Amino acid sequence: MALMIVDPCTACDACEPVCPNEAIKAGDPFYIIDPMKCTECVGEEDEPQCKLVCPEACIVQNPDWEETEEELQAKHDAMQ
């Protein structure tokens, strides 16, 4: 399942540089995660790096993008 950023994002820029897939970009009014690129860091890290650095805990599961770990791994592999 891809992740998404919700209110109360403060656009602090902590999440964007740690995303290995460059799935996070500045939006208006806060950052957005491209679900086509988000693999929840599967294939790179043990857990989503953006969630680890987010000071507001505003990165959550995107209910519109349910994916298994195998699907996330396949998405990661296709981007390499």
Protein backbone atom coordinates (compact mmCIF):
# COMPACT_ATOMS: atom_id res chain seq x y z
CA MET A 1 0.00 0.00 0.00
CA ALA A 2 1.38 3.38 -0.92
CA LEU A 3 1.66 6.10 1.67
CA MET A 4 0.14 9.57 1.69
CA ILE A 5 0.73 12.79 3.58
CA VAL A 6 -2.14 14.39 5.45
CA ASP A 7 -2.75 17.40 7.62
CA PRO A 8 -0.94 18.51 9.87
CA CYS A 9 2.02 18.44 7.45
CA THR A 10 4.10 21.56 8.00
CA ALA A 11 6.10 21.20 4.75
CA CYS A 12 9.28 20.88 6.81
CA ASP A 13 11.09 19.04 3.98
CA ALA A 14 12.30 16.18 6.20
CA CYS A 15 10.64 13.46 4.14
CA GLU A 16 11.57 14.39 0.57
CA PRO A 17 15.34 13.79 0.73
CA VAL A 18 15.04 10.38 2.43
CA CYS A 19 12.71 8.83 -0.17
CA PRO A 20 14.76 6.33 -2.23
CA ASN A 21 12.22 6.43 -5.07
CA GLU A 22 11.87 10.22 -5.30
CA ALA A 23 8.14 9.73 -4.76
CA ILE A 24 7.74 12.77 -2.49
CA LYS A 25 7.38 16.26 -3.94
CA ALA A 26 6.35 19.65 -2.64
CA GLY A 27 2.66 20.32 -3.11
CA ASP A 28 0.22 22.98 -2.09
CA PRO A 29 -0.21 23.33 0.85
CA PHE A 30 1.88 20.31 1.87
CA TYR A 31 4.01 17.55 0.41
CA ILE A 32 2.50 14.77 -1.69
CA ILE A 33 3.55 11.18 -2.34
CA ASP A 34 3.20 9.74 -5.84
CA PRO A 35 1.53 6.35 -5.29
CA MET A 36 2.96 5.08 -8.57
CA LYS A 37 6.48 5.51 -7.14
CA CYS A 38 5.91 4.77 -3.45
CA THR A 39 7.02 1.29 -2.41
CA GLU A 40 7.05 2.02 1.34
CA CYS A 41 10.83 1.57 0.95
CA VAL A 42 10.36 -2.16 0.17
CA GLY A 43 13.52 -3.24 -1.62
CA GLU A 44 15.57 -0.48 0.00
CA GLU A 45 14.91 -0.32 3.75
CA ASP A 46 13.13 -2.28 6.49
CA GLU A 47 10.54 0.46 7.05
CA PRO A 48 9.38 3.65 5.33
CA GLN A 49 12.06 6.25 5.86
CA CYS A 50 9.70 9.18 5.46
CA LYS A 51 7.63 8.00 8.43
CA LEU A 52 10.78 7.78 10.55
CA VAL A 53 11.77 11.40 9.96
CA CYS A 54 8.33 13.03 9.95
CA PRO A 55 8.05 15.25 13.06
CA GLU A 56 4.25 15.50 12.76
CA ALA A 57 3.42 11.80 12.17
CA CYS A 58 1.30 12.82 9.19
CA ILE A 59 2.36 10.05 6.79
CA VAL A 60 -0.28 7.34 6.67
CA GLN A 61 -1.43 4.45 4.50
CA ASN A 62 -3.21 5.51 1.33
CA PRO A 63 -6.50 3.56 1.36
CA ASP A 64 -6.84 3.94 -2.42
CA TRP A 65 -3.58 2.05 -3.08
CA GLU A 66 -3.69 -1.35 -1.41
CA GLU A 67 -0.65 -3.41 -2.41
CA THR A 68 0.97 -6.51 -1.00
CA GLU A 69 4.65 -6.60 -0.09
CA GLU A 70 5.21 -8.67 -3.24
CA GLU A 71 3.52 -6.00 -5.37
CA LEU A 72 5.60 -3.29 -3.69
CA GLN A 73 8.77 -5.30 -4.38
CA ALA A 74 7.77 -5.75 -8.04
CA LYS A 75 7.15 -1.99 -8.33
CA HIS A 76 10.57 -1.34 -6.80
CA ASP A 77 12.26 -3.80 -9.15
CA ALA A 78 10.57 -2.23 -12.19
CA MET A 79 11.95 1.20 -11.26
CA GLN A 80 15.53 0.00 -11.06
